[in-house]
Structures are given as structure tokens and as C-alpha cells.
């Protein structure tokens, strides 16, 4: 009986309050400060980034092309502002 309101509160917290940047930052800071859990959370985050990076790398994402294209777009926008 007591577990249902607790689960509801957690669901509301995750759905609505996580859209506020300050709440997310405070929650992440809290998670990192818990002994033992902070290191584990950090390792999971790094593993998630590494998996994503590996998938993009395997898909042959051309970093030089992306950089050149971004630079050309910035130059074009800058020249349009001057005109």
C-alpha cells in the first residue's frame, strides 16, 4: 500500500521535473556524491558514450566532411548578416 504513492511520486518526478535543467543538475550531483554509486554512474555514462561513438565510427561517419560543412554554413550565415 505504501509503495504505490512512492512509485507515483518517483514517476511524477522523472516525467515532469527532469525537464527543468536545475533539477537534472542537482539530481546528477546528488547521484555522484553517493559513495560507491557515483563511480558506478560515471562508468555507465562513459560506457554509453563509448557505445554511441563506436556505432558512429563503424557507420563511417566522416568527421572531416562534417567539420568542413559546418564551417561553410557558419561563413555563409556570417556573410548574410553583413549584407
Protein backbone atom coordinates (compact mmCIF):
# COMPACT_ATOMS: atom_id res chain seq x y z
CA UNK A 1 0.00 0.00 0.00
CA UNK A 2 2.73 2.47 0.90
CA UNK A 3 4.75 1.54 -2.19
CA UNK A 4 2.16 2.85 -4.67
CA UNK A 5 2.39 6.53 -3.59
CA UNK A 6 6.17 6.29 -3.57
CA UNK A 7 6.21 4.89 -7.11
CA UNK A 8 3.76 7.59 -8.22
CA UNK A 9 5.97 10.31 -6.72
CA UNK A 10 9.03 8.88 -8.49
CA UNK A 11 7.14 8.73 -11.80
CA UNK A 12 5.97 12.35 -11.48
CA UNK A 13 9.49 13.44 -10.54
CA UNK A 14 11.00 11.66 -13.56
CA UNK A 15 8.35 12.82 -16.04
CA UNK A 16 7.90 16.46 -15.14
CA UNK A 17 10.74 17.74 -13.03
CA UNK A 18 13.51 16.28 -15.19
CA UNK A 19 12.55 18.80 -17.86
CA UNK A 20 13.97 21.55 -15.65
CA UNK A 21 17.74 21.93 -16.12
CA UNK A 22 18.46 22.83 -12.49
CA UNK A 23 16.64 19.77 -11.19
CA UNK A 24 18.59 17.44 -13.51
CA UNK A 25 21.89 19.01 -12.47
CA UNK A 26 21.05 18.75 -8.77
CA UNK A 27 19.95 15.12 -9.19
CA UNK A 28 23.15 14.25 -11.07
CA UNK A 29 25.27 15.97 -8.41
CA UNK A 30 23.41 14.01 -5.72
CA UNK A 31 23.96 10.71 -7.57
CA UNK A 32 27.67 11.40 -7.96
CA UNK A 33 28.07 12.25 -4.27
CA UNK A 34 26.78 8.87 -3.04
CA UNK A 35 29.80 6.72 -2.10
CA UNK A 36 30.24 3.80 -4.46
CA UNK A 37 27.26 4.72 -6.61
CA UNK A 38 28.87 7.85 -8.06
CA UNK A 39 31.75 5.90 -9.54
CA UNK A 40 29.34 3.31 -10.97
CA UNK A 41 27.13 6.00 -12.54
CA UNK A 42 30.19 7.62 -14.11
CA UNK A 43 31.34 4.29 -15.55
CA UNK A 44 27.88 3.63 -17.02
CA UNK A 45 27.85 7.09 -18.60
CA UNK A 46 31.27 6.59 -20.16
CA UNK A 47 30.23 3.14 -21.44
CA UNK A 48 27.10 4.63 -23.02
CA UNK A 49 29.14 7.33 -24.74
CA UNK A 50 31.70 4.77 -25.95
CA UNK A 51 28.97 2.55 -27.46
CA UNK A 52 27.43 5.51 -29.28
CA UNK A 53 30.81 6.71 -30.52
CA UNK A 54 31.72 3.20 -31.72
CA UNK A 55 28.44 2.89 -33.63
CA UNK A 56 29.03 6.22 -35.35
CA UNK A 57 32.61 5.29 -36.11
CA UNK A 58 31.56 1.92 -37.58
CA UNK A 59 28.98 3.71 -39.72
CA UNK A 60 31.92 5.55 -41.33
CA UNK A 61 30.87 9.00 -40.19
CA UNK A 62 33.24 11.39 -41.92
CA UNK A 63 34.47 13.83 -39.31
CA UNK A 64 36.41 15.98 -41.78
CA UNK A 65 33.35 16.38 -44.01
CA UNK A 66 31.13 17.34 -41.07
CA UNK A 67 33.65 19.94 -39.92
CA UNK A 68 34.09 21.46 -43.39
CA UNK A 69 30.36 21.63 -43.94
CA UNK A 70 29.77 23.30 -40.58
CA UNK A 71 32.44 25.86 -41.33
CA UNK A 72 30.89 26.67 -44.72
CA UNK A 73 27.46 27.13 -43.14
CA UNK A 74 28.88 29.47 -40.49
CA UNK A 75 30.68 31.52 -43.16
CA UNK A 76 27.53 31.75 -45.26
CA UNK A 77 25.45 32.91 -42.30
CA UNK A 78 28.09 35.44 -41.31
CA UNK A 79 28.17 36.89 -44.85
CA UNK A 80 24.36 37.05 -44.96
CA UNK A 81 24.28 39.07 -41.74
CA UNK A 82 26.74 41.58 -43.17
CA UNK A 83 24.68 42.15 -46.34
